[in-house]
Amino acid sequence: MIKITFSSSFKRAFKKKIKGKQNIENKFWEKVDIFLKNPFDAQLRTHKLSGKLEELWSFSIDYDVRVIFYFLEKDKAVFVDTGKHDEVY
């Protein structure tokens, strides 16, 4: 099982874009549960980013909402941003 931490930038983005929007917040926590068990589960559509974000990874919460993260170690990840596709890339 992987461990996650939330950067301060992620906490700000989460509070602004997800918290309080019950439908998307519920989906977020469901996807985090999946991520904790297997960060490469097909439901998450996890993929490595390229270009200026080449050291980061992304997974999908729903059609247009993403979580951007990086692996600190093999079993540790840090969430750094969340939001709609155009906001985070």
PDB file of N, CA and C in Angstrom:
ATOM      1  N   MET A   1       0.853  -1.193   0.000  1.00  0.00           N
ATOM      2  CA  MET A   1       0.000   0.000   0.000  1.00  0.00           C
ATOM      3  C   MET A   1       0.888   1.242   0.000  1.00  0.00           C
ATOM      4  N   ILE A   2       0.531   2.197  -0.805  1.00  0.00           N
ATOM      5  CA  ILE A   2       1.316   3.422  -0.940  1.00  0.00           C
ATOM      6  C   ILE A   2       0.836   4.457   0.084  1.00  0.00           C
ATOM      7  N   LYS A   3       1.739   5.315   0.494  1.00  0.00           N
ATOM      8  CA  LYS A   3       1.407   6.407   1.411  1.00  0.00           C
ATOM      9  C   LYS A   3       1.417   7.700   0.611  1.00  0.00           C
ATOM     10  N   ILE A   4       0.482   8.599   0.954  1.00  0.00           N
ATOM     11  CA  ILE A   4       0.438   9.884   0.255  1.00  0.00           C
ATOM     12  C   ILE A   4       0.548  11.031   1.248  1.00  0.00           C
ATOM     13  N   THR A   5       1.101  12.128   0.761  1.00  0.00           N
ATOM     14  CA  THR A   5       1.101  13.381   1.505  1.00  0.00           C
ATOM     15  C   THR A   5       0.598  14.462   0.561  1.00  0.00           C
ATOM     16  N   PHE A   6       0.125  15.543   1.141  1.00  0.00           N
ATOM     17  CA  PHE A   6      -0.429  16.651   0.365  1.00  0.00           C
ATOM     18  C   PHE A   6       0.457  17.870   0.535  1.00  0.00           C
ATOM     19  N   SER A   7       0.954  18.414  -0.580  1.00  0.00           N
ATOM     20  CA  SER A   7       1.744  19.641  -0.521  1.00  0.00           C
ATOM     21  C   SER A   7       0.826  20.813  -0.170  1.00  0.00           C
ATOM     22  N   SER A   8       1.404  21.924   0.241  1.00  0.00           N
ATOM     23  CA  SER A   8       0.584  23.096   0.579  1.00  0.00           C
ATOM     24  C   SER A   8      -0.148  23.614  -0.661  1.00  0.00           C
ATOM     25  N   SER A   9       0.487  23.524  -1.834  1.00  0.00           N
ATOM     26  CA  SER A   9      -0.190  23.972  -3.061  1.00  0.00           C
ATOM     27  C   SER A   9      -1.379  23.066  -3.377  1.00  0.00           C
ATOM     28  N   PHE A  10      -1.249  21.753  -3.112  1.00  0.00           N
ATOM     29  CA  PHE A  10      -2.364  20.851  -3.331  1.00  0.00           C
ATOM     30  C   PHE A  10      -3.517  21.182  -2.380  1.00  0.00           C
ATOM     31  N   LYS A  11      -3.199  21.446  -1.123  1.00  0.00           N
ATOM     32  CA  LYS A  11      -4.240  21.760  -0.135  1.00  0.00           C
ATOM     33  C   LYS A  11      -5.020  22.999  -0.550  1.00  0.00           C
ATOM     34  N   ARG A  12      -4.306  24.024  -1.051  1.00  0.00           N
ATOM     35  CA  ARG A  12      -4.982  25.243  -1.519  1.00  0.00           C
ATOM     36  C   ARG A  12      -5.888  24.937  -2.707  1.00  0.00           C
ATOM     37  N   ALA A  13      -5.358  24.171  -3.674  1.00  0.00           N
ATOM     38  CA  ALA A  13      -6.146  23.837  -4.871  1.00  0.00           C
ATOM     39  C   ALA A  13      -7.365  22.992  -4.495  1.00  0.00           C
ATOM     40  N   PHE A  14      -7.183  22.040  -3.585  1.00  0.00           N
ATOM     41  CA  PHE A  14      -8.288  21.189  -3.166  1.00  0.00           C
ATOM     42  C   PHE A  14      -9.385  22.019  -2.510  1.00  0.00           C
ATOM     43  N   LYS A  15      -8.998  22.912  -1.633  1.00  0.00           N
ATOM     44  CA  LYS A  15      -9.971  23.755  -0.929  1.00  0.00           C
ATOM     45  C   LYS A  15     -10.737  24.645  -1.912  1.00  0.00           C
ATOM     46  N   LYS A  16     -10.030  25.157  -2.910  1.00  0.00           N
ATOM     47  CA  LYS A  16     -10.637  26.076  -3.882  1.00  0.00           C
ATOM     48  C   LYS A  16     -11.501  25.357  -4.925  1.00  0.00           C
ATOM     49  N   LYS A  17     -11.050  24.189  -5.398  1.00  0.00           N
ATOM     50  CA  LYS A  17     -11.678  23.564  -6.560  1.00  0.00           C
ATOM     51  C   LYS A  17     -12.525  22.331  -6.269  1.00  0.00           C
ATOM     52  N   ILE A  18     -12.318  21.677  -5.118  1.00  0.00           N
ATOM     53  CA  ILE A  18     -13.022  20.412  -4.867  1.00  0.00           C
ATOM     54  C   ILE A  18     -13.847  20.428  -3.587  1.00  0.00           C
ATOM     55  N   LYS A  19     -13.266  20.892  -2.499  1.00  0.00           N
ATOM     56  CA  LYS A  19     -13.937  20.831  -1.207  1.00  0.00           C
ATOM     57  C   LYS A  19     -15.289  21.535  -1.251  1.00  0.00           C
ATOM     58  N   GLY A  20     -16.298  20.856  -0.742  1.00  0.00           N
ATOM     59  CA  GLY A  20     -17.632  21.425  -0.694  1.00  0.00           C
ATOM     60  C   GLY A  20     -18.485  21.111  -1.910  1.00  0.00           C
ATOM     61  N   LYS A  21     -17.848  20.683  -2.997  1.00  0.00           N
ATOM     62  CA  LYS A  21     -18.594  20.256  -4.186  1.00  0.00           C
ATOM     63  C   LYS A  21     -18.777  18.751  -4.023  1.00  0.00           C
ATOM     64  N   GLN A  22     -19.867  18.383  -3.372  1.00  0.00           N
ATOM     65  CA  GLN A  22     -20.049  17.028  -2.853  1.00  0.00           C
ATOM     66  C   GLN A  22     -19.814  15.932  -3.879  1.00  0.00           C
ATOM     67  N   ASN A  23     -20.334  16.076  -5.078  1.00  0.00           N
ATOM     68  CA  ASN A  23     -20.196  15.045  -6.093  1.00  0.00           C
ATOM     69  C   ASN A  23     -18.730  14.779  -6.433  1.00  0.00           C
ATOM     70  N   ILE A  24     -17.991  15.830  -6.712  1.00  0.00           N
ATOM     71  CA  ILE A  24     -16.590  15.658  -7.097  1.00  0.00           C
ATOM     72  C   ILE A  24     -15.736  15.287  -5.891  1.00  0.00           C
ATOM     73  N   GLU A  25     -16.071  15.792  -4.715  1.00  0.00           N
ATOM     74  CA  GLU A  25     -15.306  15.442  -3.513  1.00  0.00           C
ATOM     75  C   GLU A  25     -15.454  13.951  -3.200  1.00  0.00           C
ATOM     76  N   ASN A  26     -16.660  13.418  -3.344  1.00  0.00           N
ATOM     77  CA  ASN A  26     -16.866  11.977  -3.135  1.00  0.00           C
ATOM     78  C   ASN A  26     -16.047  11.158  -4.126  1.00  0.00           C
ATOM     79  N   LYS A  27     -16.063  11.577  -5.406  1.00  0.00           N
ATOM     80  CA  LYS A  27     -15.268  10.880  -6.424  1.00  0.00           C
ATOM     81  C   LYS A  27     -13.789  10.944  -6.093  1.00  0.00           C
ATOM     82  N   PHE A  28     -13.334  12.102  -5.605  1.00  0.00           N
ATOM     83  CA  PHE A  28     -11.931  12.268  -5.245  1.00  0.00           C
ATOM     84  C   PHE A  28     -11.518  11.226  -4.207  1.00  0.00           C
ATOM     85  N   TRP A  29     -12.291  11.101  -3.126  1.00  0.00           N
ATOM     86  CA  TRP A  29     -11.921  10.176  -2.055  1.00  0.00           C
ATOM     87  C   TRP A  29     -12.025   8.718  -2.512  1.00  0.00           C
ATOM     88  N   GLU A  30     -12.973   8.424  -3.398  1.00  0.00           N
ATOM     89  CA  GLU A  30     -13.060   7.067  -3.961  1.00  0.00           C
ATOM     90  C   GLU A  30     -11.790   6.744  -4.753  1.00  0.00           C
ATOM     91  N   LYS A  31     -11.337   7.685  -5.583  1.00  0.00           N
ATOM     92  CA  LYS A  31     -10.139   7.471  -6.395  1.00  0.00           C
ATOM     93  C   LYS A  31      -8.882   7.407  -5.523  1.00  0.00           C
ATOM     94  N   VAL A  32      -8.843   8.176  -4.446  1.00  0.00           N
ATOM     95  CA  VAL A  32      -7.700   8.105  -3.533  1.00  0.00           C
ATOM     96  C   VAL A  32      -7.623   6.716  -2.906  1.00  0.00           C
ATOM     97  N   ASP A  33      -8.757   6.148  -2.526  1.00  0.00           N
ATOM     98  CA  ASP A  33      -8.767   4.785  -1.978  1.00  0.00           C
ATOM     99  C   ASP A  33      -8.177   3.791  -2.979  1.00  0.00           C
ATOM    100  N   ILE A  34      -8.550   3.936  -4.242  1.00  0.00           N
ATOM    101  CA  ILE A  34      -8.006   3.067  -5.292  1.00  0.00           C
ATOM    102  C   ILE A  34      -6.502   3.305  -5.430  1.00  0.00           C
ATOM    103  N   PHE A  35      -6.106   4.583  -5.438  1.00  0.00           N
ATOM    104  CA  PHE A  35      -4.690   4.951  -5.580  1.00  0.00           C
ATOM    105  C   PHE A  35      -3.842   4.347  -4.466  1.00  0.00           C
ATOM    106  N   LEU A  36      -4.353   4.371  -3.251  1.00  0.00           N
ATOM    107  CA  LEU A  36      -3.607   3.832  -2.111  1.00  0.00           C
ATOM    108  C   LEU A  36      -3.302   2.344  -2.284  1.00  0.00           C
ATOM    109  N   LYS A  37      -4.231   1.633  -2.890  1.00  0.00           N
ATOM    110  CA  LYS A  37      -4.044   0.191  -3.107  1.00  0.00           C
ATOM    111  C   LYS A  37      -3.156  -0.089  -4.320  1.00  0.00           C
ATOM    112  N   ASN A  38      -3.361   0.687  -5.389  1.00  0.00           N
ATOM    113  CA  ASN A  38      -2.596   0.488  -6.621  1.00  0.00           C
ATOM    114  C   ASN A  38      -2.619   1.785  -7.435  1.00  0.00           C
ATOM    115  N   PRO A  39      -1.522   2.564  -7.401  1.00  0.00           N
ATOM    116  CA  PRO A  39      -1.524   3.837  -8.122  1.00  0.00           C
ATOM    117  C   PRO A  39      -1.628   3.698  -9.638  1.00  0.00           C
ATOM    118  N   PHE A  40      -1.489   2.474 -10.151  1.00  0.00           N
ATOM    119  CA  PHE A  40      -1.586   2.261 -11.601  1.00  0.00           C
ATOM    120  C   PHE A  40      -2.833   1.484 -11.981  1.00  0.00           C
ATOM    121  N   ASP A  41      -3.843   1.477 -11.117  1.00  0.00           N
ATOM    122  CA  ASP A  41      -5.117   0.832 -11.427  1.00  0.00           C
ATOM    123  C   ASP A  41      -5.688   1.488 -12.693  1.00  0.00           C
ATOM    124  N   ALA A  42      -6.234   0.678 -13.576  1.00  0.00           N
ATOM    125  CA  ALA A  42      -6.757   1.179 -14.856  1.00  0.00           C
ATOM    126  C   ALA A  42      -7.845   2.238 -14.681  1.00  0.00           C
ATOM    127  N   GLN A  43      -8.608   2.173 -13.596  1.00  0.00           N
ATOM    128  CA  GLN A  43      -9.677   3.147 -13.354  1.00  0.00           C
ATOM    129  C   GLN A  43      -9.132   4.570 -13.201  1.00  0.00           C
ATOM    130  N   LEU A  44      -7.873   4.687 -12.783  1.00  0.00           N
ATOM    131  CA  LEU A  44      -7.273   5.998 -12.539  1.00  0.00           C
ATOM    132  C   LEU A  44      -6.681   6.639 -13.794  1.00  0.00           C
ATOM    133  N   ARG A  45      -6.377   5.823 -14.787  1.00  0.00           N
ATOM    134  CA  ARG A  45      -5.719   6.300 -16.005  1.00  0.00           C
ATOM    135  C   ARG A  45      -4.433   7.079 -15.666  1.00  0.00           C
ATOM    136  N   THR A  46      -3.640   6.526 -14.774  1.00  0.00           N
ATOM    137  CA  THR A  46      -2.382   7.136 -14.343  1.00  0.00           C
ATOM    138  C   THR A  46      -1.400   7.179 -15.511  1.00  0.00           C
ATOM    139  N   HIS A  47      -0.766   8.330 -15.668  1.00  0.00           N
ATOM    140  CA  HIS A  47       0.229   8.445 -16.735  1.00  0.00           C
ATOM    141  C   HIS A  47       1.305   9.464 -16.363  1.00  0.00           C
ATOM    142  N   LYS A  48       2.486   9.256 -16.923  1.00  0.00           N
ATOM    143  CA  LYS A  48       3.610  10.159 -16.729  1.00  0.00           C
ATOM    144  C   LYS A  48       3.416  11.362 -17.640  1.00  0.00           C
ATOM    145  N   LEU A  49       3.765  12.532 -17.139  1.00  0.00           N
ATOM    146  CA  LEU A  49       3.632  13.746 -17.925  1.00  0.00           C
ATOM    147  C   LEU A  49       4.925  14.027 -18.683  1.00  0.00           C
ATOM    148  N   SER A  50       4.851  14.954 -19.611  1.00  0.00           N
ATOM    149  CA  SER A  50       6.033  15.278 -20.417  1.00  0.00           C
ATOM    150  C   SER A  50       6.221  16.787 -20.457  1.00  0.00           C
ATOM    151  N   GLY A  51       7.269  17.207 -21.145  1.00  0.00           N
ATOM    152  CA  GLY A  51       7.555  18.638 -21.260  1.00  0.00           C
ATOM    153  C   GLY A  51       7.999  19.215 -19.930  1.00  0.00           C
ATOM    154  N   LYS A  52       7.490  20.396 -19.600  1.00  0.00           N
ATOM    155  CA  LYS A  52       7.913  21.060 -18.365  1.00  0.00           C
ATOM    156  C   LYS A  52       7.441  20.325 -17.110  1.00  0.00           C
ATOM    157  N   LEU A  53       6.506  19.397 -17.267  1.00  0.00           N
ATOM    158  CA  LEU A  53       6.010  18.610 -16.139  1.00  0.00           C
ATOM    159  C   LEU A  53       6.544  17.181 -16.149  1.00  0.00           C
ATOM    160  N   GLU A  54       7.659  16.957 -16.828  1.00  0.00           N
ATOM    161  CA  GLU A  54       8.137  15.594 -17.078  1.00  0.00           C
ATOM    162  C   GLU A  54       8.471  14.781 -15.826  1.00  0.00           C
ATOM    163  N   GLU A  55       8.648  15.416 -14.688  1.00  0.00           N
ATOM    164  CA  GLU A  55       8.944  14.662 -13.476  1.00  0.00           C
ATOM    165  C   GLU A  55       7.685  14.323 -12.691  1.00  0.00           C
ATOM    166  N   LEU A  56       6.538  14.693 -13.230  1.00  0.00           N
ATOM    167  CA  LEU A  56       5.269  14.490 -12.534  1.00  0.00           C
ATOM    168  C   LEU A  56       4.412  13.429 -13.214  1.00  0.00           C
ATOM    169  N   TRP A  57       3.418  12.968 -12.469  1.00  0.00           N
ATOM    170  CA  TRP A  57       2.440  11.998 -12.943  1.00  0.00           C
ATOM    171  C   TRP A  57       1.058  12.590 -12.736  1.00  0.00           C
ATOM    172  N   SER A  58       0.055  11.997 -13.366  1.00  0.00           N
ATOM    173  CA  SER A  58      -1.315  12.457 -13.236  1.00  0.00           C
ATOM    174  C   SER A  58      -2.263  11.265 -13.189  1.00  0.00           C
ATOM    175  N   PHE A  59      -3.364  11.415 -12.459  1.00  0.00           N
ATOM    176  CA  PHE A  59      -4.457  10.454 -12.559  1.00  0.00           C
ATOM    177  C   PHE A  59      -5.778  11.197 -12.577  1.00  0.00           C
ATOM    178  N   SER A  60      -6.798  10.544 -13.095  1.00  0.00           N
ATOM    179  CA  SER A  60      -8.097  11.181 -13.306  1.00  0.00           C
ATOM    180  C   SER A  60      -9.053  10.924 -12.152  1.00  0.00           C
ATOM    181  N   ILE A  61      -9.756  11.978 -11.765  1.00  0.00           N
ATOM    182  CA  ILE A  61     -10.845  11.869 -10.793  1.00  0.00           C
ATOM    183  C   ILE A  61     -12.146  11.614 -11.550  1.00  0.00           C
ATOM    184  N   ASP A  62     -12.385  12.415 -12.562  1.00  0.00           N
ATOM    185  CA  ASP A  62     -13.496  12.166 -13.489  1.00  0.00           C
ATOM    186  C   ASP A  62     -13.043  12.654 -14.864  1.00  0.00           C
ATOM    187  N   TYR A  63     -13.958  12.841 -15.761  1.00  0.00           N
ATOM    188  CA  TYR A  63     -13.602  13.160 -17.145  1.00  0.00           C
ATOM    189  C   TYR A  63     -12.604  14.305 -17.257  1.00  0.00           C
ATOM    190  N   ASP A  64     -12.798  15.392 -16.513  1.00  0.00           N
ATOM    191  CA  ASP A  64     -11.968  16.576 -16.703  1.00  0.00           C
ATOM    192  C   ASP A  64     -11.154  16.974 -15.471  1.00  0.00           C
ATOM    193  N   VAL A  65     -11.253  16.268 -14.365  1.00  0.00           N
ATOM    194  CA  VAL A  65     -10.533  16.647 -13.145  1.00  0.00           C
ATOM    195  C   VAL A  65      -9.367  15.698 -12.918  1.00  0.00           C
ATOM    196  N   ARG A  66      -8.180  16.282 -12.661  1.00  0.00           N
ATOM    197  CA  ARG A  66      -6.957  15.508 -12.502  1.00  0.00           C
ATOM    198  C   ARG A  66      -6.295  15.796 -11.163  1.00  0.00           C
ATOM    199  N   VAL A  67      -5.457  14.859 -10.739  1.00  0.00           N
ATOM    200  CA  VAL A  67      -4.552  15.064  -9.612  1.00  0.00           C
ATOM    201  C   VAL A  67      -3.140  14.914 -10.161  1.00  0.00           C
ATOM    202  N   ILE A  68      -2.288  15.894  -9.871  1.00  0.00           N
ATOM    203  CA  ILE A  68      -0.893  15.869 -10.294  1.00  0.00           C
ATOM    204  C   ILE A  68      -0.068  15.475  -9.071  1.00  0.00           C
ATOM    205  N   PHE A  69       0.878  14.549  -9.276  1.00  0.00           N
ATOM    206  CA  PHE A  69       1.667  14.062  -8.149  1.00  0.00           C
ATOM    207  C   PHE A  69       3.035  13.601  -8.621  1.00  0.00           C
ATOM    208  N   TYR A  70       3.893  13.302  -7.661  1.00  0.00           N
ATOM    209  CA  TYR A  70       5.176  12.670  -7.963  1.00  0.00           C
ATOM    210  C   TYR A  70       5.454  11.612  -6.911  1.00  0.00           C
ATOM    211  N   PHE A  71       6.294  10.673  -7.281  1.00  0.00           N
ATOM    212  CA  PHE A  71       6.697   9.623  -6.350  1.00  0.00           C
ATOM    213  C   PHE A  71       7.928  10.097  -5.590  1.00  0.00           C
ATOM    214  N   LEU A  72       7.826  10.092  -4.274  1.00  0.00           N
ATOM    215  CA  LEU A  72       8.949  10.448  -3.425  1.00  0.00           C
ATOM    216  C   LEU A  72       9.874   9.252  -3.288  1.00  0.00           C
ATOM    217  N   GLU A  73       9.277   8.109  -3.119  1.00  0.00           N
ATOM    218  CA  GLU A  73       9.953   6.817  -3.089  1.00  0.00           C
ATOM    219  C   GLU A  73       9.014   5.835  -3.759  1.00  0.00           C
ATOM    220  N   LYS A  74       9.416   4.584  -3.808  1.00  0.00           N
ATOM    221  CA  LYS A  74       8.583   3.574  -4.460  1.00  0.00           C
ATOM    222  C   LYS A  74       7.186   3.493  -3.846  1.00  0.00           C
ATOM    223  N   ASP A  75       7.103   3.665  -2.520  1.00  0.00           N
ATOM    224  CA  ASP A  75       5.822   3.511  -1.832  1.00  0.00           C
ATOM    225  C   ASP A  75       5.297   4.806  -1.226  1.00  0.00           C
ATOM    226  N   LYS A  76       5.788   5.955  -1.718  1.00  0.00           N
ATOM    227  CA  LYS A  76       5.327   7.250  -1.212  1.00  0.00           C
ATOM    228  C   LYS A  76       5.089   8.202  -2.378  1.00  0.00           C
ATOM    229  N   ALA A  77       3.969   8.910  -2.316  1.00  0.00           N
ATOM    230  CA  ALA A  77       3.635   9.890  -3.355  1.00  0.00           C
ATOM    231  C   ALA A  77       3.238  11.206  -2.705  1.00  0.00           C
ATOM    232  N   VAL A  78       3.498  12.290  -3.412  1.00  0.00           N
ATOM    233  CA  VAL A  78       3.132  13.622  -2.951  1.00  0.00           C
ATOM    234  C   VAL A  78       2.187  14.234  -3.982  1.00  0.00           C
ATOM    235  N   PHE A  79       0.982  14.580  -3.548  1.00  0.00           N
ATOM    236  CA  PHE A  79       0.021  15.257  -4.420  1.00  0.00           C
ATOM    237  C   PHE A  79       0.382  16.737  -4.436  1.00  0.00           C
ATOM    238  N   VAL A  80       0.504  17.311  -5.651  1.00  0.00           N
ATOM    239  CA  VAL A  80       0.942  18.705  -5.759  1.00  0.00           C
ATOM    240  C   VAL A  80      -0.102  19.654  -6.346  1.00  0.00           C
ATOM    241  N   ASP A  81      -1.076  19.138  -7.093  1.00  0.00           N
ATOM    242  CA  ASP A  81      -2.095  20.017  -7.672  1.00  0.00           C
ATOM    243  C   ASP A  81      -3.312  19.192  -8.059  1.00  0.00           C
ATOM    244  N   THR A  82      -4.427  19.867  -8.165  1.00  0.00           N
ATOM    245  CA  THR A  82      -5.654  19.243  -8.647  1.00  0.00           C
ATOM    246  C   THR A  82      -6.496  20.299  -9.344  1.00  0.00           C
ATOM    247  N   GLY A  83      -7.312  19.862 -10.256  1.00  0.00           N
ATOM    248  CA  GLY A  83      -8.184  20.779 -10.974  1.00  0.00           C
ATOM    249  C   GLY A  83      -8.518  20.239 -12.344  1.00  0.00           C
ATOM    250  N   LYS A  84      -9.184  21.069 -13.120  1.00  0.00           N
ATOM    251  CA  LYS A  84      -9.548  20.670 -14.479  1.00  0.00           C
ATOM    252  C   LYS A  84      -8.298  20.575 -15.344  1.00  0.00           C
ATOM    253  N   HIS A  85      -8.409  19.807 -16.396  1.00  0.00           N
ATOM    254  CA  HIS A  85      -7.286  19.542 -17.300  1.00  0.00           C
ATOM    255  C   HIS A  85      -6.525  20.810 -17.662  1.00  0.00           C
ATOM    256  N   ASP A  86      -7.238  21.829 -18.137  1.00  0.00           N
ATOM    257  CA  ASP A  86      -6.585  23.058 -18.594  1.00  0.00           C
ATOM    258  C   ASP A  86      -5.964  23.867 -17.462  1.00  0.00           C
ATOM    259  N   GLU A  87      -6.399  23.641 -16.214  1.00  0.00           N
ATOM    260  CA  GLU A  87      -5.850  24.371 -15.084  1.00  0.00           C
ATOM    261  C   GLU A  87      -4.516  23.798 -14.592  1.00  0.00           C
ATOM    262  N   VAL A  88      -4.353  22.499 -14.719  1.00  0.00           N
ATOM    263  CA  VAL A  88      -3.188  21.849 -14.127  1.00  0.00           C
ATOM    264  C   VAL A  88      -2.066  21.553 -15.118  1.00  0.00           C
ATOM    265  N   TYR A  89      -2.348  21.577 -16.413  1.00  0.00           N
ATOM    266  CA  TYR A  89      -1.301  21.281 -17.396  1.00  0.00           C
ATOM    267  C   TYR A  89      -0.747  22.545 -18.009  1.00  0.00           C
TER     268      TYR A  89
END
